[in-house]
């Protein structure tokens, strides 16, 4: 066992003395040491219940003959961080989480790990760490929040942001806003729509790193506690069989995950996180392949904000495995891959039927024949721009309009609230990329303001920042190269005509080559907004472009 290096032999008597200080018995030191990575805290609603999940995991590990030992991981609530300087710290925590978890796991010679994440950057950060450390690992998330109910309809956090926009437009009273405020987030758990947290927890199942129900069992259900116990027991089975994350996280597993991503209509942030996780597993996953997979993968789910169904509905309909079983009817998955269940994908999804065809469309009656995400390219996005196609109104799939350009999110929100954005406009928010922000902020506030003002089906928004899975409409993020490194988005001017064609995967602005070169010659880099602290160091390390804001780590 790896832990023999700290528990066995006379030379390691000093190590054992420190384990004695922890209260560990000789019997416990003779068993496999299993690190339980707890993301519990009291500031993130999706994490406030993780103490109970962790205790259940510990019990499962002990029942199966292991010695569970808990250590922490941080997490940011993107909703609380939204719309101010705090959002600059959200994406960068993914790398902090991966680095710190790797450090703890390697320094203490654990034999196996159980990761207990739940929210946006916490899940991919721990998946990255699992791939790096590469010892037997199982994931069990804290689960999604139940949907709120306002005036008899299910609602979620994105409804709250849009309510603020509606109030600003004079379409909602303050009393209505307060009702939303008190009801849209009724329980602990990750926010109830197909936002980034739930997207990544579902994709953890699709990748094979979590057990059935990991992405969909609501946080408040006792079934979630049972799942946690089973995760603790299962990691001991993986330890005995020596099944490691890189045995599971193969290139084919990422292809499966992308197919499930397209079927579910996941957050565009998955196009940042999947390549970063693959990178840590020694796999080059170029986001360009997303369109290839999207072209042959039907979109089967319209979960909030794309439609009226929520995570609890997906769970009752059969969950991720039911979606995978639909996809498998057209041979869209590799079913021979080993997973954290100890079984293959095919064995996992066998018999997992679709129990509600209004929540999960049958494979022969999809919402669309193509997937929920599209990667766009053109002279405005030479490398990429990403849109959640499943949340775009039909009339905005092709759009042409004048640019309204802003160099930060705050200026754009002010203009929207002051009525300076009108039907047909294309709002451009730049210098919000991983280097330029720094930190690549998420733009839920401006998109929600546009929808709340009643402009969601007539105004587009483009940014080198990110969009939340909670965003809907013709909103294109992750534009690369970003403005801070001289990408063409830095050269757009007010009034330039922008052409968006999602079916053709194109994003362009109308400009002659001569004028483009002239603007490029006159462009000068902006001074850094933040010159000290972790954000400044992060901005200095990220690669140009925004391929997941991956740090300069050598390819394994």
Protein backbone atom coordinates (compact mmCIF):
# COMPACT_ATOMS: atom_id res chain seq x y z
CA UNK A 1 0.00 0.00 0.00
CA UNK A 2 1.12 3.58 -0.58
CA UNK A 3 0.47 4.28 3.08
CA UNK A 4 3.15 1.75 4.06
CA UNK A 5 5.60 4.62 3.53
CA UNK A 6 4.18 6.29 6.63
CA UNK A 7 2.85 3.38 8.70
CA UNK A 8 5.22 0.41 8.40
CA UNK A 9 8.69 -0.33 9.77
CA UNK A 10 10.96 1.12 12.44
CA UNK A 11 12.04 3.97 10.17
CA UNK A 12 8.47 5.25 10.16
CA UNK A 13 7.94 5.16 13.91
CA UNK A 14 7.97 9.01 13.94
CA UNK A 15 5.12 9.01 11.43
CA UNK A 16 3.15 6.57 13.56
CA UNK A 17 3.66 8.75 16.61
CA UNK A 18 1.87 11.55 14.76
CA UNK A 19 -0.94 9.18 13.78
CA UNK A 20 -1.16 8.30 17.48
CA UNK A 21 -1.60 12.01 18.15
CA UNK A 22 -4.64 11.86 15.88
CA UNK A 23 -6.09 9.07 17.97
CA UNK A 24 -5.64 6.39 15.33
CA UNK A 25 -5.32 2.85 16.61
CA UNK A 26 -2.78 0.30 15.47
CA UNK A 27 -5.62 -1.52 13.70
CA UNK A 28 -6.59 1.61 11.78
CA UNK A 29 -3.00 2.16 10.69
CA UNK A 30 -2.87 -1.34 9.28
CA UNK A 31 -5.83 -0.68 6.97
CA UNK A 32 -5.81 1.36 3.73
CA UNK A 33 -5.87 5.09 4.47
CA UNK A 34 -8.69 6.71 2.52
CA UNK A 35 -8.71 10.49 2.17
CA UNK A 36 -12.18 12.03 2.22
CA UNK A 37 -11.97 15.41 0.49
CA UNK A 38 -14.68 17.48 2.14
CA UNK A 39 -15.83 20.68 0.44
CA UNK A 40 -18.14 21.53 3.34
CA UNK A 41 -18.52 25.18 4.29
CA UNK A 42 -21.17 27.52 5.65
CA UNK A 43 -21.22 30.11 2.84
CA UNK A 44 -22.18 27.99 -0.20
CA UNK A 45 -25.77 26.64 -0.19
CA UNK A 46 -24.61 23.69 -2.26
CA UNK A 47 -22.05 22.80 0.40
CA UNK A 48 -23.85 23.39 3.69
CA UNK A 49 -25.05 19.75 3.73
CA UNK A 50 -21.73 18.16 2.83
CA UNK A 51 -20.87 17.44 6.47
CA UNK A 52 -23.66 14.84 6.44
CA UNK A 53 -22.43 13.42 3.13
CA UNK A 54 -18.90 13.17 4.50
CA UNK A 55 -20.04 11.34 7.63
CA UNK A 56 -21.93 8.85 5.45
CA UNK A 57 -18.85 8.32 3.26
CA UNK A 58 -16.70 7.73 6.33
CA UNK A 59 -19.14 5.09 7.54
CA UNK A 60 -19.11 3.38 4.14
CA UNK A 61 -15.30 3.32 4.04
CA UNK A 62 -15.08 1.90 7.57
CA UNK A 63 -17.75 -0.72 6.81
CA UNK A 64 -15.66 -1.91 3.86
CA UNK A 65 -12.42 -2.14 5.85
CA UNK A 66 -10.73 1.21 5.24
CA UNK A 67 -9.62 4.02 7.55
CA UNK A 68 -11.34 7.27 6.52
CA UNK A 69 -9.49 10.54 7.14
CA UNK A 70 -11.07 13.88 6.21
CA UNK A 71 -9.32 16.91 4.79
CA UNK A 72 -10.83 20.06 3.23
CA UNK A 73 -11.22 21.72 -0.15
CA UNK A 74 -12.43 25.27 -0.73
CA UNK A 75 -15.40 26.31 -2.85
CA UNK A 76 -16.92 29.59 -4.06
CA UNK A 77 -20.65 30.23 -4.48
CA UNK A 78 -20.86 31.69 -7.98
CA UNK A 79 -24.27 33.21 -7.24
CA UNK A 80 -22.93 35.20 -4.28
CA UNK A 81 -19.75 36.08 -6.20
CA UNK A 82 -21.74 37.23 -9.25
CA UNK A 83 -21.69 40.80 -10.51
CA UNK A 84 -18.77 42.19 -8.51
CA UNK A 85 -15.01 41.68 -8.08
CA UNK A 86 -15.67 38.36 -6.35
CA UNK A 87 -16.48 36.71 -9.69
CA UNK A 88 -12.88 37.27 -10.77
CA UNK A 89 -11.95 34.69 -8.13
CA UNK A 90 -14.38 31.98 -9.19
CA UNK A 91 -12.69 30.22 -12.12
CA UNK A 92 -9.21 30.58 -10.63
CA UNK A 93 -10.26 28.57 -7.57
CA UNK A 94 -10.51 25.51 -9.81
CA UNK A 95 -6.72 25.41 -10.04
CA UNK A 96 -6.31 26.21 -6.35
CA UNK A 97 -8.59 23.28 -5.51
CA UNK A 98 -6.70 20.93 -7.82
CA UNK A 99 -3.30 22.05 -6.51
CA UNK A 100 -4.18 21.91 -2.81
CA UNK A 101 -5.92 18.53 -3.08
CA UNK A 102 -3.00 17.06 -4.98
CA UNK A 103 -0.66 18.40 -2.30
CA UNK A 104 -2.64 16.91 0.58
CA UNK A 105 -3.10 13.53 -1.11
CA UNK A 106 0.56 13.14 -2.04
CA UNK A 107 2.00 14.52 1.20
CA UNK A 108 0.06 12.08 3.36
CA UNK A 109 0.39 8.92 1.24
CA UNK A 110 -3.29 8.08 0.99
CA UNK A 111 -4.20 4.78 -0.61
CA UNK A 112 -7.52 5.99 -2.07
CA UNK A 113 -9.74 9.06 -2.15
CA UNK A 114 -13.43 9.93 -2.04
CA UNK A 115 -14.13 13.41 -3.42
CA UNK A 116 -17.15 15.23 -1.97
CA UNK A 117 -17.77 18.33 -4.13
CA UNK A 118 -20.89 20.07 -5.38
CA UNK A 119 -20.55 23.48 -6.97
CA UNK A 120 -19.17 25.06 -10.11
CA UNK A 121 -15.34 25.02 -9.92
CA UNK A 122 -15.14 22.59 -7.02
CA UNK A 123 -16.22 19.61 -9.15
CA UNK A 124 -13.77 20.08 -12.06
CA UNK A 125 -11.00 21.09 -9.65
CA UNK A 126 -11.34 17.80 -7.79
CA UNK A 127 -11.62 15.83 -11.05
CA UNK A 128 -8.35 17.44 -12.15
CA UNK A 129 -6.74 16.46 -8.85
CA UNK A 130 -8.03 12.90 -9.15
CA UNK A 131 -6.43 12.55 -12.59
CA UNK A 132 -3.13 13.94 -11.31
CA UNK A 133 -2.86 11.85 -8.16
CA UNK A 134 -4.22 8.73 -9.90
CA UNK A 135 -5.10 6.53 -6.96
CA UNK A 136 -8.49 4.76 -6.64
CA UNK A 137 -11.12 7.51 -6.39
CA UNK A 138 -14.90 7.84 -6.28
CA UNK A 139 -16.95 11.05 -6.45
CA UNK A 140 -20.17 11.73 -4.54
CA UNK A 141 -21.63 15.22 -4.84
CA UNK A 142 -23.93 17.02 -2.42
CA UNK A 143 -26.81 16.99 -4.89
CA UNK A 144 -29.08 19.61 -6.46
CA UNK A 145 -31.43 21.99 -4.69
CA UNK A 146 -35.16 21.46 -5.08
CA UNK A 147 -36.83 24.01 -7.35
CA UNK A 148 -38.62 26.89 -5.70
CA UNK A 149 -42.27 27.68 -6.33
CA UNK A 150 -43.54 31.17 -7.02
CA UNK A 151 -47.17 31.78 -7.93
CA UNK A 152 -47.65 28.09 -8.61
CA UNK A 153 -44.68 27.70 -10.98
CA UNK A 154 -41.30 26.10 -10.42
CA UNK A 155 -38.48 28.64 -10.29
CA UNK A 156 -34.71 28.78 -9.72
CA UNK A 157 -31.85 31.22 -9.22
CA UNK A 158 -31.88 32.39 -12.85
CA UNK A 159 -35.52 33.41 -12.32
CA UNK A 160 -34.32 35.62 -9.48
CA UNK A 161 -31.75 37.42 -11.62
CA UNK A 162 -34.35 37.93 -14.35
CA UNK A 163 -36.84 39.25 -11.79
CA UNK A 164 -34.38 42.03 -10.95
CA UNK A 165 -34.23 42.94 -14.64
CA UNK A 166 -38.01 42.89 -14.87
CA UNK A 167 -38.29 45.20 -11.85
CA UNK A 168 -35.77 47.60 -13.42
CA UNK A 169 -37.89 47.64 -16.58
CA UNK A 170 -41.02 48.40 -14.57
CA UNK A 171 -42.56 45.02 -15.32
CA UNK A 172 -42.53 43.70 -11.75
CA UNK A 173 -43.32 45.19 -8.36
CA UNK A 174 -40.93 45.24 -5.41
CA UNK A 175 -43.31 42.89 -3.60
CA UNK A 176 -43.03 40.42 -6.49
CA UNK A 177 -39.23 40.60 -6.35
CA UNK A 178 -39.30 39.93 -2.61
CA UNK A 179 -41.51 36.89 -3.16
CA UNK A 180 -39.00 35.52 -5.65
CA UNK A 181 -36.19 36.34 -3.23
CA UNK A 182 -37.79 34.29 -0.48
CA UNK A 183 -38.85 31.30 -2.56
CA UNK A 184 -36.55 30.52 -5.51
CA UNK A 185 -33.83 28.83 -3.42
CA UNK A 186 -35.79 26.78 -0.87
CA UNK A 187 -33.25 24.14 0.19
CA UNK A 188 -29.57 23.34 0.40
CA UNK A 189 -27.95 21.98 -2.74
CA UNK A 190 -26.53 23.16 -6.04
CA UNK A 191 -28.97 25.51 -7.82
CA UNK A 192 -31.84 23.55 -9.34
CA UNK A 193 -31.43 24.15 -13.10
CA UNK A 194 -28.91 22.71 -15.55
CA UNK A 195 -26.30 25.23 -14.51
CA UNK A 196 -22.57 24.55 -14.27
CA UNK A 197 -22.59 22.68 -10.94
CA UNK A 198 -25.30 20.24 -11.98
CA UNK A 199 -23.79 19.96 -15.46
CA UNK A 200 -20.44 18.88 -14.01
CA UNK A 201 -22.00 16.52 -11.46
CA UNK A 202 -23.96 14.84 -14.27
CA UNK A 203 -20.87 14.68 -16.46
CA UNK A 204 -18.99 13.07 -13.56
CA UNK A 205 -21.47 10.20 -13.93
CA UNK A 206 -21.04 10.19 -17.70
CA UNK A 207 -17.24 10.09 -17.35
CA UNK A 208 -17.59 7.10 -15.03
CA UNK A 209 -16.19 8.76 -11.89
CA UNK A 210 -19.44 8.85 -9.90
CA UNK A 211 -22.14 6.33 -9.04
CA UNK A 212 -25.69 6.27 -10.40
CA UNK A 213 -27.63 9.32 -9.22
CA UNK A 214 -24.54 11.38 -8.40
CA UNK A 215 -25.73 14.26 -10.57
CA UNK A 216 -29.47 14.18 -9.95
CA UNK A 217 -30.56 12.85 -6.52
CA UNK A 218 -31.73 16.01 -4.67
CA UNK A 219 -29.57 17.18 -1.78
CA UNK A 220 -32.39 16.83 0.76
CA UNK A 221 -33.30 13.23 -0.14
CA UNK A 222 -32.17 10.46 2.21
CA UNK A 223 -31.21 8.56 -0.94
CA UNK A 224 -28.26 10.95 -1.17
CA UNK A 225 -26.98 9.68 2.22
CA UNK A 226 -27.28 6.09 0.98
CA UNK A 227 -25.35 7.05 -2.16
CA UNK A 228 -22.57 8.49 0.00
CA UNK A 229 -22.30 5.28 2.02
CA UNK A 230 -22.12 3.26 -1.18
CA UNK A 231 -19.39 5.58 -2.50
CA UNK A 232 -17.35 4.88 0.64
CA UNK A 233 -17.80 1.15 0.17
CA UNK A 234 -17.15 1.31 -3.56
CA UNK A 235 -13.78 3.05 -3.22
CA UNK A 236 -12.54 0.06 -1.22
CA UNK A 237 -13.61 -2.22 -4.08
CA UNK A 238 -11.69 -0.01 -6.53
CA UNK A 239 -8.69 -0.19 -4.20
CA UNK A 240 -8.84 -3.99 -4.17
CA UNK A 241 -9.17 -4.11 -7.98
CA UNK A 242 -6.55 -1.35 -8.45
CA UNK A 243 -8.85 0.68 -10.72
CA UNK A 244 -7.49 4.22 -10.93
CA UNK A 245 -8.88 7.49 -12.40
CA UNK A 246 -6.73 7.31 -15.54
CA UNK A 247 -8.09 3.82 -16.19
CA UNK A 248 -11.52 5.47 -16.31
CA UNK A 249 -10.70 8.91 -17.75
CA UNK A 250 -9.79 7.73 -21.24
CA UNK A 251 -10.28 9.63 -24.47
CA UNK A 252 -13.36 7.51 -25.16
CA UNK A 253 -14.81 8.42 -21.76
CA UNK A 254 -14.52 12.12 -22.65
CA UNK A 255 -16.28 11.44 -25.96
CA UNK A 256 -19.09 9.82 -23.97
CA UNK A 257 -19.22 12.83 -21.67
CA UNK A 258 -19.44 15.23 -24.61
CA UNK A 259 -22.31 13.23 -26.09
CA UNK A 260 -24.18 13.33 -22.77
CA UNK A 261 -23.37 17.05 -22.52
CA UNK A 262 -25.06 17.62 -25.89
CA UNK A 263 -28.09 15.53 -24.96
CA UNK A 264 -28.61 17.24 -21.60
CA UNK A 265 -27.94 20.78 -22.81
CA UNK A 266 -25.27 21.44 -20.20
CA UNK A 267 -23.58 24.71 -19.28
CA UNK A 268 -21.12 26.19 -21.77
CA UNK A 269 -18.60 26.08 -18.92
CA UNK A 270 -18.24 22.36 -19.63
CA UNK A 271 -16.24 23.47 -22.68
CA UNK A 272 -13.70 24.95 -20.25
CA UNK A 273 -13.66 22.16 -17.72
CA UNK A 274 -13.67 18.99 -19.81
CA UNK A 275 -10.49 19.99 -21.71
CA UNK A 276 -8.80 20.94 -18.42
CA UNK A 277 -9.68 17.59 -16.80
CA UNK A 278 -8.58 15.72 -19.92
CA UNK A 279 -5.30 17.65 -19.85
CA UNK A 280 -4.57 16.30 -16.38
CA UNK A 281 -5.31 12.76 -17.61
CA UNK A 282 -2.75 13.23 -20.42
CA UNK A 283 -5.37 13.65 -23.12
CA UNK A 284 -5.61 16.54 -25.58
CA UNK A 285 -9.29 17.41 -25.89
CA UNK A 286 -9.82 20.21 -28.38
CA UNK A 287 -13.19 21.96 -28.08
CA UNK A 288 -13.44 21.90 -31.87
CA UNK A 289 -14.58 18.29 -31.58
CA UNK A 290 -17.74 19.52 -29.84
CA UNK A 291 -19.38 20.42 -33.16
CA UNK A 292 -18.54 17.02 -34.61
CA UNK A 293 -20.23 15.30 -31.68
CA UNK A 294 -23.09 17.81 -31.63
CA UNK A 295 -23.82 17.13 -35.31
CA UNK A 296 -24.72 13.51 -34.56
CA UNK A 297 -26.07 13.83 -30.99
CA UNK A 298 -29.71 14.90 -30.46
CA UNK A 299 -30.65 17.30 -27.69
CA UNK A 300 -33.05 15.39 -25.44
CA UNK A 301 -33.49 17.70 -22.41
CA UNK A 302 -34.57 21.31 -21.92
CA UNK A 303 -33.87 21.78 -18.23
CA UNK A 304 -34.11 25.25 -16.71
CA UNK A 305 -33.32 27.83 -17.92
CA UNK A 306 -33.83 26.33 -21.40
CA UNK A 307 -37.20 24.87 -20.40
CA UNK A 308 -39.65 24.29 -17.53
CA UNK A 309 -38.08 21.13 -16.02
CA UNK A 310 -35.58 20.90 -13.17
CA UNK A 311 -33.01 18.51 -11.73
CA UNK A 312 -35.56 16.80 -9.50
CA UNK A 313 -37.61 16.05 -12.64
CA UNK A 314 -34.58 14.58 -14.40
CA UNK A 315 -33.94 12.40 -11.38
CA UNK A 316 -37.52 11.06 -11.37
CA UNK A 317 -37.32 10.46 -15.12
CA UNK A 318 -34.38 8.11 -14.68
CA UNK A 319 -31.42 10.46 -14.39
CA UNK A 320 -28.21 10.50 -16.37
CA UNK A 321 -28.22 6.75 -17.00
CA UNK A 322 -31.65 6.98 -18.66
CA UNK A 323 -30.31 9.71 -20.96
CA UNK A 324 -27.29 7.54 -21.75
CA UNK A 325 -29.55 4.59 -22.49
CA UNK A 326 -31.46 6.73 -25.02
CA UNK A 327 -28.19 7.73 -26.68
CA UNK A 328 -27.05 4.14 -26.76
CA UNK A 329 -30.04 3.21 -28.92
CA UNK A 330 -28.26 5.03 -31.75
CA UNK A 331 -24.83 3.71 -30.84
CA UNK A 332 -23.61 7.12 -29.66
CA UNK A 333 -21.70 5.80 -26.63
CA UNK A 334 -18.77 3.50 -26.05
CA UNK A 335 -20.28 1.00 -23.62
CA UNK A 336 -17.17 -1.13 -23.01
CA UNK A 337 -15.42 1.40 -20.75
CA UNK A 338 -14.72 0.61 -17.09
CA UNK A 339 -16.20 3.00 -14.51
CA UNK A 340 -16.02 3.73 -10.78
CA UNK A 341 -18.85 1.26 -10.23
CA UNK A 342 -16.39 -1.49 -11.13
CA UNK A 343 -18.61 -2.27 -14.11
CA UNK A 344 -18.70 -1.09 -17.70
CA UNK A 345 -20.83 1.73 -19.05
CA UNK A 346 -23.06 -0.82 -20.76
CA UNK A 347 -23.58 -2.77 -17.54
CA UNK A 348 -24.37 0.46 -15.67
CA UNK A 349 -27.07 1.73 -18.02
CA UNK A 350 -28.73 -1.59 -18.82
CA UNK A 351 -32.39 -1.44 -17.86
CA UNK A 352 -32.29 2.29 -17.01
CA UNK A 353 -35.41 3.29 -18.88
CA UNK A 354 -36.82 6.73 -19.64
CA UNK A 355 -39.71 7.19 -17.20
CA UNK A 356 -40.93 10.57 -18.44
CA UNK A 357 -40.73 11.51 -22.11
CA UNK A 358 -41.63 15.12 -21.34
CA UNK A 359 -38.41 15.47 -19.33
CA UNK A 360 -36.16 13.22 -21.43
CA UNK A 361 -37.26 13.20 -25.04
CA UNK A 362 -36.96 9.80 -26.77
CA UNK A 363 -34.04 9.51 -29.15
CA UNK A 364 -36.45 9.45 -32.13
CA UNK A 365 -38.28 12.61 -30.97
CA UNK A 366 -35.58 15.05 -29.75
CA UNK A 367 -35.83 18.78 -29.23
CA UNK A 368 -33.30 19.03 -32.03
CA UNK A 369 -31.22 16.61 -34.07
CA UNK A 370 -28.08 18.45 -32.96
CA UNK A 371 -26.64 18.90 -29.48
CA UNK A 372 -27.16 21.59 -26.86
CA UNK A 373 -23.81 23.36 -27.32
CA UNK A 374 -22.19 24.87 -30.40
CA UNK A 375 -18.67 26.19 -30.93
CA UNK A 376 -18.59 29.17 -33.31
CA UNK A 377 -15.69 30.53 -35.33
CA UNK A 378 -15.07 33.51 -37.60
CA UNK A 379 -13.13 36.74 -37.73
CA UNK A 380 -14.60 37.77 -34.36
CA UNK A 381 -13.64 34.42 -32.78
CA UNK A 382 -10.72 32.92 -34.74
CA UNK A 383 -10.21 30.19 -32.13
CA UNK A 384 -13.67 29.75 -30.62
CA UNK A 385 -16.85 31.17 -29.16
CA UNK A 386 -19.30 28.94 -27.27
CA UNK A 387 -23.10 29.15 -27.13
CA UNK A 388 -25.72 27.07 -25.33
CA UNK A 389 -27.72 26.42 -28.47
CA UNK A 390 -30.55 24.67 -26.60
CA UNK A 391 -31.34 27.89 -24.68
CA UNK A 392 -31.45 30.17 -27.77
CA UNK A 393 -34.82 31.31 -29.13
CA UNK A 394 -35.42 30.11 -32.73
CA UNK A 395 -35.59 33.68 -34.03
CA UNK A 396 -32.08 34.38 -32.65
CA UNK A 397 -30.31 31.40 -34.19
CA UNK A 398 -29.34 33.75 -37.02
CA UNK A 399 -28.92 37.38 -36.03
CA UNK A 400 -27.32 40.49 -37.46
CA UNK A 401 -27.03 43.80 -35.66
CA UNK A 402 -24.88 46.75 -34.59
CA UNK A 403 -22.30 46.32 -31.83
CA UNK A 404 -22.60 48.12 -28.51
CA UNK A 405 -19.12 47.73 -27.04
CA UNK A 406 -18.15 47.75 -23.34
CA UNK A 407 -14.77 47.13 -21.74
CA UNK A 408 -16.19 45.64 -18.53
CA UNK A 409 -19.33 43.97 -17.26
CA UNK A 410 -20.37 46.85 -14.99
CA UNK A 411 -20.57 49.36 -17.87
CA UNK A 412 -22.73 46.97 -19.88
CA UNK A 413 -25.17 46.41 -16.99
CA UNK A 414 -25.52 50.17 -16.48
CA UNK A 415 -26.28 50.70 -20.17
CA UNK A 416 -28.89 47.91 -20.15
CA UNK A 417 -30.57 49.31 -17.05
CA UNK A 418 -30.60 52.82 -18.52
CA UNK A 419 -32.39 51.60 -21.64
CA UNK A 420 -29.45 52.23 -23.97
CA UNK A 421 -29.69 48.73 -25.45
CA UNK A 422 -32.50 48.27 -27.97
CA UNK A 423 -33.91 45.47 -30.12
CA UNK A 424 -31.42 44.19 -32.68
CA UNK A 425 -28.29 45.25 -30.78
CA UNK A 426 -25.32 42.98 -30.14
CA UNK A 427 -23.76 43.75 -26.77
CA UNK A 428 -19.99 43.09 -26.71
CA UNK A 429 -18.28 42.81 -23.32
CA UNK A 430 -14.51 42.40 -23.51
CA UNK A 431 -11.37 42.46 -21.36
CA UNK A 432 -13.08 39.91 -19.14
CA UNK A 433 -11.04 36.87 -20.24
CA UNK A 434 -8.74 34.77 -18.01
CA UNK A 435 -5.83 37.16 -18.52
CA UNK A 436 -7.73 40.39 -19.11
CA UNK A 437 -10.25 40.16 -16.26
CA UNK A 438 -8.25 38.68 -14.82
CA UNK A 439 -10.23 35.57 -13.94
CA UNK A 440 -12.78 35.28 -16.76
CA UNK A 441 -15.92 36.42 -14.98
CA UNK A 442 -19.30 34.84 -15.61
CA UNK A 443 -21.90 37.14 -17.19
CA UNK A 444 -25.19 36.04 -15.64
CA UNK A 445 -26.06 39.55 -14.47
CA UNK A 446 -26.07 41.25 -17.90
CA UNK A 447 -27.81 38.33 -19.64
CA UNK A 448 -30.47 38.22 -16.93
CA UNK A 449 -30.89 41.99 -17.17
CA UNK A 450 -31.46 41.67 -20.94
CA UNK A 451 -34.04 38.90 -20.44
CA UNK A 452 -35.69 40.77 -17.58
CA UNK A 453 -36.03 43.83 -19.80
CA UNK A 454 -37.90 41.70 -22.34
CA UNK A 455 -35.05 41.73 -24.87
CA UNK A 456 -33.97 38.07 -24.62
CA UNK A 457 -35.31 37.21 -28.07
CA UNK A 458 -34.01 40.33 -29.85
CA UNK A 459 -30.60 41.22 -28.35
CA UNK A 460 -27.43 39.11 -28.51
CA UNK A 461 -24.44 39.27 -26.17
CA UNK A 462 -20.83 38.31 -26.94
CA UNK A 463 -17.92 38.23 -24.48
CA UNK A 464 -14.43 36.89 -23.89
CA UNK A 465 -15.68 36.17 -20.39
CA UNK A 466 -17.92 33.22 -19.53
CA UNK A 467 -21.63 32.49 -19.37
CA UNK A 468 -23.34 30.54 -16.66
CA UNK A 469 -25.48 27.54 -17.45
CA UNK A 470 -28.19 29.78 -15.99
CA UNK A 471 -27.92 32.11 -18.99
CA UNK A 472 -30.35 31.88 -21.88
CA UNK A 473 -30.64 33.61 -25.23
CA UNK A 474 -28.14 34.30 -28.00
CA UNK A 475 -25.24 34.70 -25.61
CA UNK A 476 -21.82 33.67 -26.90
CA UNK A 477 -18.94 33.44 -24.45
CA UNK A 478 -15.38 32.18 -24.22
CA UNK A 479 -14.48 34.21 -27.34
CA UNK A 480 -10.87 33.43 -28.10
CA UNK A 481 -8.29 34.87 -28.48
CA UNK A 482 -9.40 37.24 -25.74
CA UNK A 483 -9.10 41.02 -25.97
CA UNK A 484 -6.20 41.23 -23.52
CA UNK A 485 -3.89 39.33 -25.86
CA UNK A 486 -4.98 41.27 -28.96
CA UNK A 487 -7.80 39.03 -30.12
CA UNK A 488 -10.10 40.54 -32.73
CA UNK A 489 -12.79 41.16 -30.11
CA UNK A 490 -10.50 43.99 -28.93
CA UNK A 491 -10.83 45.63 -32.35
CA UNK A 492 -14.64 45.78 -32.58
CA UNK A 493 -16.09 49.31 -32.47
CA UNK A 494 -19.55 50.65 -31.70
CA UNK A 495 -21.77 50.31 -34.74
CA UNK A 496 -19.83 47.50 -36.43
CA UNK A 497 -22.28 44.99 -37.86
CA UNK A 498 -21.97 41.59 -36.22
CA UNK A 499 -23.30 38.45 -37.88
CA UNK A 500 -24.20 35.42 -35.78
CA UNK A 501 -25.15 32.17 -37.50
CA UNK A 502 -25.44 29.36 -34.97
CA UNK A 503 -26.60 26.67 -37.43
CA UNK A 504 -23.47 27.37 -39.51
CA UNK A 505 -21.25 27.76 -36.41
CA UNK A 506 -20.05 31.21 -37.47
CA UNK A 507 -19.39 34.50 -35.67
CA UNK A 508 -18.15 37.47 -37.70
CA UNK A 509 -18.12 41.24 -37.84
CA UNK A 510 -18.25 43.17 -41.09
CA UNK A 511 -14.86 44.78 -41.70
CA UNK A 512 -12.39 44.99 -44.57
CA UNK A 513 -8.99 43.37 -44.22
CA UNK A 514 -7.40 46.78 -44.65
CA UNK A 515 -9.45 48.32 -41.82
CA UNK A 516 -8.84 45.29 -39.59
CA UNK A 517 -5.06 45.60 -40.05
CA UNK A 518 -5.23 49.34 -39.35
CA UNK A 519 -7.08 48.75 -36.07
CA UNK A 520 -4.64 46.01 -35.13
CA UNK A 521 -1.68 48.34 -35.66
CA UNK A 522 -3.30 50.99 -33.45
CA UNK A 523 -4.29 48.60 -30.67
CA UNK A 524 -2.30 48.82 -27.44
CA UNK A 525 -2.43 46.38 -24.50
CA UNK A 526 -4.31 47.66 -21.49
CA UNK A 527 -2.56 48.04 -18.16
CA UNK A 528 -3.28 45.22 -15.72
CA UNK A 529 -6.22 46.00 -13.44
CA UNK A 530 -4.87 43.85 -10.63
CA UNK A 531 -1.12 43.89 -10.05
CA UNK A 532 -0.68 41.84 -6.86
CA UNK A 533 -2.08 38.78 -5.15
CA UNK A 534 -3.22 35.44 -6.54
CA UNK A 535 -5.22 36.90 -9.43
CA UNK A 536 -2.17 38.75 -10.74
CA UNK A 537 -0.04 35.59 -10.52
CA UNK A 538 -2.78 33.60 -12.21
CA UNK A 539 -3.09 36.13 -15.05
CA UNK A 540 0.66 35.93 -15.60
CA UNK A 541 0.55 32.12 -15.84
CA UNK A 542 -2.48 31.42 -18.01
CA UNK A 543 -1.94 30.61 -21.64
CA UNK A 544 -3.13 33.05 -24.27
CA UNK A 545 -6.64 32.28 -25.38
CA UNK A 546 -9.04 30.66 -22.95
CA UNK A 547 -8.84 26.89 -23.36
CA UNK A 548 -10.05 26.37 -19.85
CA UNK A 549 -7.58 28.96 -18.58
CA UNK A 550 -5.21 26.02 -18.17
CA UNK A 551 -2.00 26.84 -16.37
CA UNK A 552 1.27 26.14 -18.11
CA UNK A 553 1.55 22.51 -16.99
CA UNK A 554 3.57 20.17 -19.22
CA UNK A 555 1.46 17.65 -21.12
CA UNK A 556 1.77 14.25 -19.47
